[in-house]
Amino acid sequence: MVNFIENDENFILVSLLITVCMQLSFFAIAYKLQIDKVTDFAGTANFLVLAIITLWLGEDYSYPKILGSLMVILWSLRLGIYLSYRIIVWGEDNRFDEMRSKFWSFLGFWVYQILWVFLTSLPLIYFNSLEAPTGLTIIATVGTIMFIIGFTMEAWADYTKFNHKLYGDKWCTAGLWKYSRHPNYFGNIVLWFGIFIFCFTYGAPLWTIIGPLWTTFLLVFVSGLPFLEASADKKYGNDPEYLKYKDNTSILIPWFNSSK
């Protein structure tokens, strides 16, 4: 095991191994018990584990390394706590209604989760394997600010939507949801590009941009917008007010609502 780690200079293989083991273990629990309560926790906790372990393996606790890792840790803790509480309140996640009892279909989702965690974490994984950086550059500051903006938007949008679903009626138009139909996803994309820019500044290679690009792809084309847009259309597609909101509100990037 020691030789394996020593030969894995950029912590890529060990991070992949940790991710595969974590996700398949939680898949076994979720499939055996037919529950959804561990799914989101498994994903977000995996990000936290990779951030901490790669920071530890790098044996470098300089300010940029701590800050870069802390961004991922804060995001994973916030989102993990929120999603875990949400599934406890809701009981089930209807995304899995058609696949929960089907072994290969359900396993396919967990393979997607493996790719999501591993590929999205690549900028930080590689960054934590590099030699100690010095100081906080202007571009690194830009990346940090992007993270703060995206983190704030995602957290605010999640809080607003959760409260609306508990006490509101129909679709949410409060807060950022007035300017975007999916502001939490936009915030998530911004914060991960911020993390990439931060890590790239200190030597993470350009190809690790696959991390935020993969997250964007999943949210925009796979499990994010397509699923939620179809679900909303099914529920409210015959409601003129919903159709007006949909026509006049940006699908992702917050922008002024064009309705009068």
C-alpha atoms as a PDB file:
ATOM      1  CA  MET A   1       0.000   0.000   0.000  1.00  0.00           C
ATOM      2  CA  VAL A   2       2.887   2.334   0.822  1.00  0.00           C
ATOM      3  CA  ASN A   3       4.480   1.673  -2.586  1.00  0.00           C
ATOM      4  CA  PHE A   4       1.121   2.253  -4.265  1.00  0.00           C
ATOM      5  CA  ILE A   5       0.832   5.697  -2.655  1.00  0.00           C
ATOM      6  CA  GLU A   6       4.461   6.580  -3.383  1.00  0.00           C
ATOM      7  CA  ASN A   7       4.046   5.719  -7.082  1.00  0.00           C
ATOM      8  CA  ASP A   8       0.812   7.708  -7.276  1.00  0.00           C
ATOM      9  CA  GLU A   9       2.506  11.106  -7.288  1.00  0.00           C
ATOM     10  CA  ASN A  10      -0.620  13.153  -7.882  1.00  0.00           C
ATOM     11  CA  PHE A  11      -2.980  11.102  -5.671  1.00  0.00           C
ATOM     12  CA  ILE A  12      -5.151  10.257  -8.680  1.00  0.00           C
ATOM     13  CA  LEU A  13      -5.304   6.483  -8.228  1.00  0.00           C
ATOM     14  CA  VAL A  14      -5.713   6.531  -4.463  1.00  0.00           C
ATOM     15  CA  SER A  15      -8.520   9.073  -4.793  1.00  0.00           C
ATOM     16  CA  LEU A  16     -10.262   6.917  -7.394  1.00  0.00           C
ATOM     17  CA  LEU A  17      -9.878   3.830  -5.202  1.00  0.00           C
ATOM     18  CA  ILE A  18     -11.325   5.622  -2.173  1.00  0.00           C
ATOM     19  CA  THR A  19     -14.236   6.920  -4.233  1.00  0.00           C
ATOM     20  CA  VAL A  20     -15.072   3.544  -5.783  1.00  0.00           C
ATOM     21  CA  CYS A  21     -14.917   1.780  -2.395  1.00  0.00           C
ATOM     22  CA  MET A  22     -17.057   4.416  -0.663  1.00  0.00           C
ATOM     23  CA  GLN A  23     -19.735   4.587  -3.327  1.00  0.00           C
ATOM     24  CA  LEU A  24     -20.051   0.844  -3.872  1.00  0.00           C
ATOM     25  CA  SER A  25     -20.301   0.308  -0.118  1.00  0.00           C
ATOM     26  CA  PHE A  26     -23.141   2.804   0.157  1.00  0.00           C
ATOM     27  CA  PHE A  27     -24.755   1.353  -2.964  1.00  0.00           C
ATOM     28  CA  ALA A  28     -24.838  -2.048  -1.286  1.00  0.00           C
ATOM     29  CA  ILE A  29     -26.572  -0.519   1.742  1.00  0.00           C
ATOM     30  CA  ALA A  30     -29.050   1.482  -0.339  1.00  0.00           C
ATOM     31  CA  TYR A  31     -29.953  -1.465  -2.569  1.00  0.00           C
ATOM     32  CA  LYS A  32     -30.198  -4.007   0.240  1.00  0.00           C
ATOM     33  CA  LEU A  33     -32.424  -1.791   2.393  1.00  0.00           C
ATOM     34  CA  GLN A  34     -34.167  -0.062  -0.555  1.00  0.00           C
ATOM     35  CA  ILE A  35     -33.588   3.372   0.953  1.00  0.00           C
ATOM     36  CA  ASP A  36     -32.577   6.792  -0.363  1.00  0.00           C
ATOM     37  CA  LYS A  37     -31.333   8.282   2.899  1.00  0.00           C
ATOM     38  CA  VAL A  38     -27.649   7.434   2.322  1.00  0.00           C
ATOM     39  CA  THR A  39     -27.368   8.475  -1.336  1.00  0.00           C
ATOM     40  CA  ASP A  40     -26.663  12.204  -1.097  1.00  0.00           C
ATOM     41  CA  PHE A  41     -24.678  11.748   2.116  1.00  0.00           C
ATOM     42  CA  ALA A  42     -22.428   9.229   0.343  1.00  0.00           C
ATOM     43  CA  GLY A  43     -21.646  11.694  -2.431  1.00  0.00           C
ATOM     44  CA  THR A  44     -21.004  14.798  -0.357  1.00  0.00           C
ATOM     45  CA  ALA A  45     -19.068  12.920   2.328  1.00  0.00           C
ATOM     46  CA  ASN A  46     -16.803  11.497  -0.365  1.00  0.00           C
ATOM     47  CA  PHE A  47     -15.751  15.015  -1.403  1.00  0.00           C
ATOM     48  CA  LEU A  48     -14.870  15.815   2.205  1.00  0.00           C
ATOM     49  CA  VAL A  49     -12.857  12.598   2.591  1.00  0.00           C
ATOM     50  CA  LEU A  50     -10.864  13.247  -0.587  1.00  0.00           C
ATOM     51  CA  ALA A  51     -10.111  16.839   0.434  1.00  0.00           C
ATOM     52  CA  ILE A  52      -8.835  15.799   3.864  1.00  0.00           C
ATOM     53  CA  ILE A  53      -6.887  12.720   2.747  1.00  0.00           C
ATOM     54  CA  THR A  54      -5.139  14.421  -0.198  1.00  0.00           C
ATOM     55  CA  LEU A  55      -4.225  17.365   2.034  1.00  0.00           C
ATOM     56  CA  TRP A  56      -2.782  14.909   4.559  1.00  0.00           C
ATOM     57  CA  LEU A  57      -0.934  12.895   1.909  1.00  0.00           C
ATOM     58  CA  GLY A  58       0.627  16.071   0.540  1.00  0.00           C
ATOM     59  CA  GLU A  59       2.078  16.877   3.971  1.00  0.00           C
ATOM     60  CA  ASP A  60       1.812  20.558   3.138  1.00  0.00           C
ATOM     61  CA  TYR A  61      -0.335  22.783   5.311  1.00  0.00           C
ATOM     62  CA  SER A  62       0.496  26.114   3.713  1.00  0.00           C
ATOM     63  CA  TYR A  63      -2.193  28.789   3.549  1.00  0.00           C
ATOM     64  CA  PRO A  64      -3.246  28.126  -0.097  1.00  0.00           C
ATOM     65  CA  LYS A  65      -3.488  24.360   0.501  1.00  0.00           C
ATOM     66  CA  ILE A  66      -5.616  24.879   3.613  1.00  0.00           C
ATOM     67  CA  LEU A  67      -7.828  27.412   1.820  1.00  0.00           C
ATOM     68  CA  GLY A  68      -8.324  25.250  -1.278  1.00  0.00           C
ATOM     69  CA  SER A  69      -9.199  22.194   0.791  1.00  0.00           C
ATOM     70  CA  LEU A  70     -11.394  24.224   3.118  1.00  0.00           C
ATOM     71  CA  MET A  71     -13.527  25.422   0.204  1.00  0.00           C
ATOM     72  CA  VAL A  72     -14.382  21.833  -0.723  1.00  0.00           C
ATOM     73  CA  ILE A  73     -14.848  20.818   2.913  1.00  0.00           C
ATOM     74  CA  LEU A  74     -17.235  23.712   3.630  1.00  0.00           C
ATOM     75  CA  TRP A  75     -19.238  23.008   0.496  1.00  0.00           C
ATOM     76  CA  SER A  76     -19.513  19.276   1.206  1.00  0.00           C
ATOM     77  CA  LEU A  77     -20.494  19.844   4.849  1.00  0.00           C
ATOM     78  CA  ARG A  78     -23.147  22.422   4.012  1.00  0.00           C
ATOM     79  CA  LEU A  79     -24.670  20.470   1.142  1.00  0.00           C
ATOM     80  CA  GLY A  80     -24.376  17.133   2.920  1.00  0.00           C
ATOM     81  CA  ILE A  81     -26.166  18.372   6.038  1.00  0.00           C
ATOM     82  CA  TYR A  82     -28.860  20.059   3.957  1.00  0.00           C
ATOM     83  CA  LEU A  83     -29.524  17.073   1.691  1.00  0.00           C
ATOM     84  CA  SER A  84     -29.472  14.602   4.586  1.00  0.00           C
ATOM     85  CA  TYR A  85     -31.981  16.686   6.531  1.00  0.00           C
ATOM     86  CA  ARG A  86     -34.134  17.110   3.428  1.00  0.00           C
ATOM     87  CA  ILE A  87     -34.362  13.375   2.727  1.00  0.00           C
ATOM     88  CA  ILE A  88     -35.212  12.717   6.377  1.00  0.00           C
ATOM     89  CA  VAL A  89     -38.084  15.186   6.092  1.00  0.00           C
ATOM     90  CA  TRP A  90     -39.266  13.918   2.686  1.00  0.00           C
ATOM     91  CA  GLY A  91     -38.637  10.212   3.318  1.00  0.00           C
ATOM     92  CA  GLU A  92     -37.872   9.238  -0.290  1.00  0.00           C
ATOM     93  CA  ASP A  93     -36.230  10.687  -3.370  1.00  0.00           C
ATOM     94  CA  ASN A  94     -38.538  10.237  -6.358  1.00  0.00           C
ATOM     95  CA  ARG A  95     -35.576  10.324  -8.728  1.00  0.00           C
ATOM     96  CA  PHE A  96     -35.067   6.667  -7.860  1.00  0.00           C
ATOM     97  CA  ASP A  97     -38.664   5.449  -8.057  1.00  0.00           C
ATOM     98  CA  GLU A  98     -38.082   3.751 -11.408  1.00  0.00           C
ATOM     99  CA  MET A  99     -34.693   2.224 -10.559  1.00  0.00           C
ATOM    100  CA  ARG A 100     -34.460   1.623  -6.822  1.00  0.00           C
ATOM    101  CA  SER A 101     -35.436  -2.050  -7.075  1.00  0.00           C
ATOM    102  CA  LYS A 102     -33.531  -2.736 -10.313  1.00  0.00           C
ATOM    103  CA  PHE A 103     -29.955  -3.776  -9.531  1.00  0.00           C
ATOM    104  CA  TRP A 104     -28.215  -2.696 -12.731  1.00  0.00           C
ATOM    105  CA  SER A 105     -30.176   0.508 -13.185  1.00  0.00           C
ATOM    106  CA  PHE A 106     -29.559   1.534  -9.591  1.00  0.00           C
ATOM    107  CA  LEU A 107     -25.886   0.576  -9.856  1.00  0.00           C
ATOM    108  CA  GLY A 108     -25.682   2.757 -12.970  1.00  0.00           C
ATOM    109  CA  PHE A 109     -26.666   5.792 -10.899  1.00  0.00           C
ATOM    110  CA  TRP A 110     -23.912   5.023  -8.385  1.00  0.00           C
ATOM    111  CA  VAL A 111     -21.375   4.741 -11.193  1.00  0.00           C
ATOM    112  CA  TYR A 112     -22.442   8.250 -12.236  1.00  0.00           C
ATOM    113  CA  GLN A 113     -21.911   9.315  -8.635  1.00  0.00           C
ATOM    114  CA  ILE A 114     -18.405   7.825  -8.661  1.00  0.00           C
ATOM    115  CA  LEU A 115     -17.593   9.838 -11.780  1.00  0.00           C
ATOM    116  CA  TRP A 116     -19.204  12.973 -10.318  1.00  0.00           C
ATOM    117  CA  VAL A 117     -17.157  12.858  -7.123  1.00  0.00           C
ATOM    118  CA  PHE A 118     -13.858  11.815  -8.672  1.00  0.00           C
ATOM    119  CA  LEU A 119     -13.843  14.021 -11.769  1.00  0.00           C
ATOM    120  CA  THR A 120     -15.169  17.102  -9.959  1.00  0.00           C
ATOM    121  CA  SER A 121     -12.516  16.709  -7.255  1.00  0.00           C
ATOM    122  CA  LEU A 122      -9.628  16.439  -9.727  1.00  0.00           C
ATOM    123  CA  PRO A 123      -8.440  20.091  -9.488  1.00  0.00           C
ATOM    124  CA  LEU A 124      -8.070  19.869  -5.705  1.00  0.00           C
ATOM    125  CA  ILE A 125      -6.665  16.323  -5.775  1.00  0.00           C
ATOM    126  CA  TYR A 126      -3.887  17.386  -8.143  1.00  0.00           C
ATOM    127  CA  PHE A 127      -3.319  20.707  -6.367  1.00  0.00           C
ATOM    128  CA  ASN A 128      -2.801  18.999  -3.009  1.00  0.00           C
ATOM    129  CA  SER A 129      -0.065  16.823  -4.550  1.00  0.00           C
ATOM    130  CA  LEU A 130       2.051  19.768  -5.697  1.00  0.00           C
ATOM    131  CA  GLU A 131       4.881  21.551  -3.926  1.00  0.00           C
ATOM    132  CA  ALA A 132       4.024  24.265  -1.445  1.00  0.00           C
ATOM    133  CA  PRO A 133       2.641  27.388  -3.168  1.00  0.00           C
ATOM    134  CA  THR A 134       3.373  30.810  -1.760  1.00  0.00           C
ATOM    135  CA  GLY A 135       0.975  33.665  -1.062  1.00  0.00           C
ATOM    136  CA  LEU A 136      -2.445  34.400  -2.490  1.00  0.00           C
ATOM    137  CA  THR A 137      -2.277  35.633  -6.096  1.00  0.00           C
ATOM    138  CA  ILE A 138      -4.787  37.945  -7.783  1.00  0.00           C
ATOM    139  CA  ILE A 139      -6.195  35.134  -9.927  1.00  0.00           C
ATOM    140  CA  ALA A 140      -6.421  32.843  -6.894  1.00  0.00           C
ATOM    141  CA  THR A 141      -8.354  35.621  -5.160  1.00  0.00           C
ATOM    142  CA  VAL A 142     -10.737  35.741  -8.123  1.00  0.00           C
ATOM    143  CA  GLY A 143     -11.278  32.006  -7.782  1.00  0.00           C
ATOM    144  CA  THR A 144     -11.930  32.390  -4.065  1.00  0.00           C
ATOM    145  CA  ILE A 145     -14.449  35.170  -4.671  1.00  0.00           C
ATOM    146  CA  MET A 146     -16.200  33.020  -7.285  1.00  0.00           C
ATOM    147  CA  PHE A 147     -16.433  30.235  -4.725  1.00  0.00           C
ATOM    148  CA  ILE A 148     -17.901  32.579  -2.111  1.00  0.00           C
ATOM    149  CA  ILE A 149     -20.462  33.943  -4.574  1.00  0.00           C
ATOM    150  CA  GLY A 150     -21.441  30.501  -5.838  1.00  0.00           C
ATOM    151  CA  PHE A 151     -21.550  29.008  -2.333  1.00  0.00           C
ATOM    152  CA  THR A 152     -23.773  31.844  -1.102  1.00  0.00           C
ATOM    153  CA  MET A 153     -26.113  31.568  -4.073  1.00  0.00           C
ATOM    154  CA  GLU A 154     -26.451  27.802  -3.747  1.00  0.00           C
ATOM    155  CA  ALA A 155     -27.067  27.915   0.008  1.00  0.00           C
ATOM    156  CA  TRP A 156     -29.545  30.798  -0.240  1.00  0.00           C
ATOM    157  CA  ALA A 157     -31.457  29.165  -3.095  1.00  0.00           C
ATOM    158  CA  ASP A 158     -31.598  25.796  -1.296  1.00  0.00           C
ATOM    159  CA  TYR A 159     -32.867  27.394   1.909  1.00  0.00           C
ATOM    160  CA  THR A 160     -35.505  29.397   0.048  1.00  0.00           C
ATOM    161  CA  LYS A 161     -36.735  26.403  -1.965  1.00  0.00           C
ATOM    162  CA  PHE A 162     -36.844  24.100   1.067  1.00  0.00           C
ATOM    163  CA  ASN A 163     -38.939  26.543   3.089  1.00  0.00           C
ATOM    164  CA  HIS A 164     -41.221  27.068   0.123  1.00  0.00           C
ATOM    165  CA  LYS A 165     -41.830  23.342  -0.266  1.00  0.00           C
ATOM    166  CA  LEU A 166     -42.694  23.091   3.439  1.00  0.00           C
ATOM    167  CA  TYR A 167     -45.031  26.070   3.620  1.00  0.00           C
ATOM    168  CA  GLY A 168     -45.553  27.413   0.102  1.00  0.00           C
ATOM    169  CA  ASP A 169     -47.810  26.592  -2.793  1.00  0.00           C
ATOM    170  CA  LYS A 170     -46.874  25.395  -6.270  1.00  0.00           C
ATOM    171  CA  TRP A 171     -43.525  26.533  -7.705  1.00  0.00           C
ATOM    172  CA  CYS A 172     -41.055  28.804  -5.927  1.00  0.00           C
ATOM    173  CA  THR A 173     -40.604  32.404  -7.112  1.00  0.00           C
ATOM    174  CA  ALA A 174     -39.050  33.844  -3.951  1.00  0.00           C
ATOM    175  CA  GLY A 175     -35.521  35.220  -3.648  1.00  0.00           C
ATOM    176  CA  LEU A 176     -33.192  34.099  -6.437  1.00  0.00           C
ATOM    177  CA  TRP A 177     -35.929  31.882  -7.868  1.00  0.00           C
ATOM    178  CA  LYS A 178     -37.532  35.042  -9.220  1.00  0.00           C
ATOM    179  CA  TYR A 179     -34.537  35.490 -11.525  1.00  0.00           C
ATOM    180  CA  SER A 180     -33.666  31.868 -12.333  1.00  0.00           C
ATOM    181  CA  ARG A 181     -35.562  28.594 -12.389  1.00  0.00           C
ATOM    182  CA  HIS A 182     -32.486  26.818 -11.005  1.00  0.00           C
ATOM    183  CA  PRO A 183     -30.266  29.329  -9.144  1.00  0.00           C
ATOM    184  CA  ASN A 184     -28.839  26.638  -6.846  1.00  0.00           C
ATOM    185  CA  TYR A 185     -27.377  24.840  -9.853  1.00  0.00           C
ATOM    186  CA  PHE A 186     -25.906  28.070 -11.185  1.00  0.00           C
ATOM    187  CA  GLY A 187     -24.274  28.703  -7.811  1.00  0.00           C
ATOM    188  CA  ASN A 188     -22.871  25.179  -7.793  1.00  0.00           C
ATOM    189  CA  ILE A 189     -21.341  25.609 -11.242  1.00  0.00           C
ATOM    190  CA  VAL A 190     -19.799  28.986 -10.314  1.00  0.00           C
ATOM    191  CA  LEU A 191     -18.230  27.707  -7.095  1.00  0.00           C
ATOM    192  CA  TRP A 192     -16.613  24.703  -8.783  1.00  0.00           C
ATOM    193  CA  PHE A 193     -15.158  26.864 -11.539  1.00  0.00           C
ATOM    194  CA  GLY A 194     -13.867  29.096  -8.742  1.00  0.00           C
ATOM    195  CA  ILE A 195     -12.159  26.124  -7.094  1.00  0.00           C
ATOM    196  CA  PHE A 196     -10.632  25.116 -10.434  1.00  0.00           C
ATOM    197  CA  ILE A 197      -9.301  28.630 -11.078  1.00  0.00           C
ATOM    198  CA  PHE A 198      -7.815  28.696  -7.571  1.00  0.00           C
ATOM    199  CA  CYS A 199      -6.057  25.341  -8.049  1.00  0.00           C
ATOM    200  CA  PHE A 200      -4.991  26.120 -11.628  1.00  0.00           C
ATOM    201  CA  THR A 201      -3.288  29.282 -10.408  1.00  0.00           C
ATOM    202  CA  TYR A 202      -0.956  27.180  -8.269  1.00  0.00           C
ATOM    203  CA  GLY A 203      -0.075  24.580 -10.875  1.00  0.00           C
ATOM    204  CA  ALA A 204      -3.004  22.224 -11.331  1.00  0.00           C
ATOM    205  CA  PRO A 205      -2.972  21.377 -15.077  1.00  0.00           C
ATOM    206  CA  LEU A 206      -5.542  22.792 -17.460  1.00  0.00           C
ATOM    207  CA  TRP A 207      -7.012  19.346 -18.133  1.00  0.00           C
ATOM    208  CA  THR A 208      -8.403  19.261 -14.583  1.00  0.00           C
ATOM    209  CA  ILE A 209     -11.027  21.718 -15.840  1.00  0.00           C
ATOM    210  CA  ILE A 210     -12.856  18.498 -16.645  1.00  0.00           C
ATOM    211  CA  GLY A 211     -14.023  18.754 -13.001  1.00  0.00           C
ATOM    212  CA  PRO A 212     -16.289  21.803 -13.277  1.00  0.00           C
ATOM    213  CA  LEU A 213     -17.136  20.940 -16.888  1.00  0.00           C
ATOM    214  CA  TRP A 214     -18.371  17.509 -15.802  1.00  0.00           C
ATOM    215  CA  THR A 215     -20.471  19.041 -13.036  1.00  0.00           C
ATOM    216  CA  THR A 216     -21.938  21.502 -15.532  1.00  0.00           C
ATOM    217  CA  PHE A 217     -22.698  18.698 -17.972  1.00  0.00           C
ATOM    218  CA  LEU A 218     -24.490  16.627 -15.323  1.00  0.00           C
ATOM    219  CA  LEU A 219     -26.545  19.543 -14.043  1.00  0.00           C
ATOM    220  CA  VAL A 220     -27.483  20.960 -17.438  1.00  0.00           C
ATOM    221  CA  PHE A 221     -27.921  17.822 -19.540  1.00  0.00           C
ATOM    222  CA  VAL A 222     -28.284  14.728 -17.317  1.00  0.00           C
ATOM    223  CA  SER A 223     -29.646  14.656 -13.774  1.00  0.00           C
ATOM    224  CA  GLY A 224     -30.340  18.312 -13.064  1.00  0.00           C
ATOM    225  CA  LEU A 225     -32.301  20.567 -15.386  1.00  0.00           C
ATOM    226  CA  PRO A 226     -33.867  17.852 -17.599  1.00  0.00           C
ATOM    227  CA  PHE A 227     -35.317  15.947 -14.634  1.00  0.00           C
ATOM    228  CA  LEU A 228     -36.630  18.974 -12.737  1.00  0.00           C
ATOM    229  CA  GLU A 229     -37.961  20.739 -15.822  1.00  0.00           C
ATOM    230  CA  ALA A 230     -39.850  17.598 -16.865  1.00  0.00           C
ATOM    231  CA  SER A 231     -41.187  17.159 -13.328  1.00  0.00           C
ATOM    232  CA  ALA A 232     -42.398  20.775 -13.158  1.00  0.00           C
ATOM    233  CA  ASP A 233     -43.977  20.562 -16.610  1.00  0.00           C
ATOM    234  CA  LYS A 234     -45.833  17.418 -15.562  1.00  0.00           C
ATOM    235  CA  LYS A 235     -47.181  19.086 -12.409  1.00  0.00           C
ATOM    236  CA  TYR A 236     -47.902  22.591 -13.663  1.00  0.00           C
ATOM    237  CA  GLY A 237     -47.817  22.380 -17.461  1.00  0.00           C
ATOM    238  CA  ASN A 238     -51.497  23.300 -17.732  1.00  0.00           C
ATOM    239  CA  ASP A 239     -51.234  26.287 -15.400  1.00  0.00           C
ATOM    240  CA  PRO A 240     -51.031  29.605 -17.310  1.00  0.00           C
ATOM    241  CA  GLU A 241     -49.189  31.270 -14.423  1.00  0.00           C
ATOM    242  CA  TYR A 242     -46.495  28.598 -14.465  1.00  0.00           C
ATOM    243  CA  LEU A 243     -46.137  28.859 -18.232  1.00  0.00           C
ATOM    244  CA  LYS A 244     -45.762  32.631 -17.841  1.00  0.00           C
ATOM    245  CA  TYR A 245     -43.098  32.156 -15.156  1.00  0.00           C
ATOM    246  CA  LYS A 246     -41.279  29.640 -17.339  1.00  0.00           C
ATOM    247  CA  ASP A 247     -41.372  31.836 -20.435  1.00  0.00           C
ATOM    248  CA  ASN A 248     -40.182  34.942 -18.592  1.00  0.00           C
ATOM    249  CA  THR A 249     -37.572  33.477 -16.241  1.00  0.00           C
ATOM    250  CA  SER A 250     -34.050  32.342 -17.137  1.00  0.00           C
ATOM    251  CA  ILE A 251     -33.588  28.587 -16.858  1.00  0.00           C
ATOM    252  CA  LEU A 252     -30.146  28.827 -15.194  1.00  0.00           C
ATOM    253  CA  ILE A 253     -28.270  32.151 -15.134  1.00  0.00           C
ATOM    254  CA  PRO A 254     -30.102  34.621 -12.855  1.00  0.00           C
ATOM    255  CA  TRP A 255     -31.478  37.487 -14.881  1.00  0.00           C
ATOM    256  CA  PHE A 256     -34.224  40.050 -14.554  1.00  0.00           C
ATOM    257  CA  ASN A 257     -37.647  38.508 -14.942  1.00  0.00           C
ATOM    258  CA  SER A 258     -39.155  39.843 -18.145  1.00  0.00           C
ATOM    259  CA  SER A 259     -42.751  39.627 -16.939  1.00  0.00           C
ATOM    260  CA  LYS A 260     -44.588  42.857 -16.295  1.00  0.00           C
END
